[in-house]
Amino acid sequence: MTQNKAQKEATLNVSVLDDLRKLDRSPRDSVVTELLEAFLSEVPEMMRNMRSALEAQNIFSIRKQAHALKSNAGNLGADRFAAICQNIEKGPEALLKNLIEELEAEYRLVAEQMHQQMKKTA
């Protein structure tokens, strides 16, 4: 997948964040901002762990990390990111390297969109 195509397809389902904001009674949507900040701070380490597990050929660890990432991403509207995680979790071992690379590219796009969302509430 080319970077340009990934950018067109990368989506942060903002309606999920909007629904969370409706439930957030704190000033300036601070709960939503905290959730986004937690995701952005935790995911890089989880992805590094996944990359290390790939190098060690620890398929169980890769799939475990993918499962955790999928849940976190889905709860925040990073639907495509979550779908890639599901493919890593359930897909064939032969595709793991490519899927992890795709996930890393998608994270960069999702992170950018999440930062934009946080600016809206600042």
Protein backbone atom coordinates (compact mmCIF):
# COMPACT_ATOMS: atom_id res chain seq x y z
CA MET A 1 0.00 0.00 0.00
CA THR A 2 1.39 3.36 -0.94
CA GLN A 3 1.57 6.17 1.59
CA ASN A 4 -0.87 8.25 -0.46
CA LYS A 5 -3.44 5.47 -0.53
CA ALA A 6 -3.00 4.86 3.21
CA GLN A 7 -3.61 8.55 3.88
CA LYS A 8 -6.87 8.47 1.95
CA GLU A 9 -8.06 5.36 3.77
CA ALA A 10 -6.81 6.21 7.25
CA THR A 11 -9.71 7.20 9.39
CA LEU A 12 -10.26 8.28 12.89
CA ASN A 13 -13.96 7.77 13.41
CA VAL A 14 -14.63 11.16 14.94
CA SER A 15 -18.21 10.20 15.76
CA VAL A 16 -16.85 7.82 18.42
CA LEU A 17 -14.94 10.71 19.98
CA ASP A 18 -18.00 12.94 19.70
CA ASP A 19 -20.05 10.32 21.56
CA LEU A 20 -17.40 10.18 24.28
CA ARG A 21 -17.43 13.97 24.49
CA LYS A 22 -21.20 13.93 25.04
CA LEU A 23 -20.64 11.73 28.08
CA ASP A 24 -17.72 13.84 29.32
CA ARG A 25 -18.95 16.38 31.85
CA SER A 26 -15.46 17.63 32.67
CA PRO A 27 -14.16 21.01 31.51
CA ARG A 28 -12.80 21.09 27.97
CA ASP A 29 -13.47 17.40 27.36
CA SER A 30 -10.55 16.53 29.58
CA VAL A 31 -11.50 12.84 29.82
CA VAL A 32 -11.42 12.46 26.03
CA THR A 33 -8.11 14.31 25.90
CA GLU A 34 -6.70 12.07 28.64
CA LEU A 35 -7.79 8.95 26.74
CA LEU A 36 -6.17 10.18 23.54
CA GLU A 37 -2.98 11.15 25.38
CA ALA A 38 -2.82 7.73 27.04
CA PHE A 39 -3.25 5.99 23.69
CA LEU A 40 -0.56 8.13 22.08
CA SER A 41 1.88 7.53 24.91
CA GLU A 42 1.28 3.78 25.33
CA VAL A 43 0.99 2.57 21.75
CA PRO A 44 4.57 3.27 20.58
CA GLU A 45 5.96 1.05 23.34
CA MET A 46 3.44 -1.69 22.56
CA MET A 47 4.39 -1.52 18.89
CA ARG A 48 8.10 -1.71 19.78
CA ASN A 49 7.32 -4.80 21.84
CA MET A 50 5.49 -6.25 18.87
CA ARG A 51 8.46 -5.55 16.59
CA SER A 52 10.82 -7.19 19.12
CA ALA A 53 8.53 -10.20 19.36
CA LEU A 54 8.58 -10.45 15.57
CA GLU A 55 12.38 -10.49 15.57
CA ALA A 56 12.30 -13.19 18.27
CA GLN A 57 9.61 -15.07 16.31
CA ASN A 58 7.35 -14.97 19.38
CA ILE A 59 4.00 -15.24 17.61
CA PHE A 60 2.04 -15.51 20.86
CA SER A 61 3.42 -12.18 22.10
CA ILE A 62 2.71 -10.48 18.76
CA ARG A 63 -0.90 -11.61 18.81
CA LYS A 64 -1.29 -10.65 22.48
CA GLN A 65 -0.02 -7.12 21.77
CA ALA A 66 -2.28 -6.89 18.71
CA HIS A 67 -5.29 -7.87 20.81
CA ALA A 68 -4.60 -5.16 23.39
CA LEU A 69 -3.97 -2.55 20.69
CA LYS A 70 -7.16 -3.53 18.87
CA SER A 71 -9.28 -2.94 21.94
CA ASN A 72 -7.69 0.41 22.74
CA ALA A 73 -7.94 1.64 19.16
CA GLY A 74 -11.52 0.52 18.69
CA ASN A 75 -12.65 2.34 21.81
CA LEU A 76 -11.25 5.60 20.42
CA GLY A 77 -12.52 5.32 16.85
CA ALA A 78 -9.26 4.25 15.19
CA ASP A 79 -11.21 1.70 13.18
CA ARG A 80 -8.68 0.91 10.47
CA PHE A 81 -5.90 0.61 13.05
CA ALA A 82 -8.10 -1.82 15.01
CA ALA A 83 -8.84 -3.82 11.83
CA ILE A 84 -5.13 -4.19 11.09
CA CYS A 85 -4.62 -5.37 14.68
CA GLN A 86 -7.32 -7.96 14.18
CA ASN A 87 -5.58 -9.16 11.03
CA ILE A 88 -2.34 -9.49 13.01
CA GLU A 89 -4.15 -11.29 15.79
CA LYS A 90 -5.96 -13.78 13.56
CA GLY A 91 -4.05 -13.77 10.26
CA PRO A 92 -1.42 -16.11 8.92
CA GLU A 93 2.08 -15.92 10.36
CA ALA A 94 3.54 -15.36 6.89
CA LEU A 95 1.86 -11.94 6.72
CA LEU A 96 2.83 -10.65 10.17
CA LYS A 97 5.84 -8.60 9.09
CA ASN A 98 3.86 -6.79 6.39
CA LEU A 99 0.90 -6.26 8.70
CA ILE A 100 3.09 -4.81 11.43
CA GLU A 101 4.63 -2.41 8.92
CA GLU A 102 1.13 -1.44 7.79
CA LEU A 103 0.13 -0.92 11.42
CA GLU A 104 3.14 1.34 12.03
CA ALA A 105 2.20 3.48 9.02
CA GLU A 106 -1.41 3.66 10.13
CA TYR A 107 -0.37 4.67 13.64
CA ARG A 108 1.47 7.70 12.29
CA LEU A 109 -1.69 8.83 10.50
CA VAL A 110 -3.99 8.10 13.43
CA ALA A 111 -1.65 9.90 15.83
CA GLU A 112 -1.74 12.98 13.63
CA GLN A 113 -5.53 12.90 13.55
CA MET A 114 -5.72 12.41 17.32
CA HIS A 115 -3.44 15.40 17.88
CA GLN A 116 -5.77 17.45 15.66
CA GLN A 117 -8.74 16.34 17.77
CA MET A 118 -6.97 17.33 20.98
CA LYS A 119 -6.30 20.80 19.57
CA LYS A 120 -10.03 21.22 19.01
CA THR A 121 -10.73 20.71 22.70
CA ALA A 122 -7.81 22.77 24.01
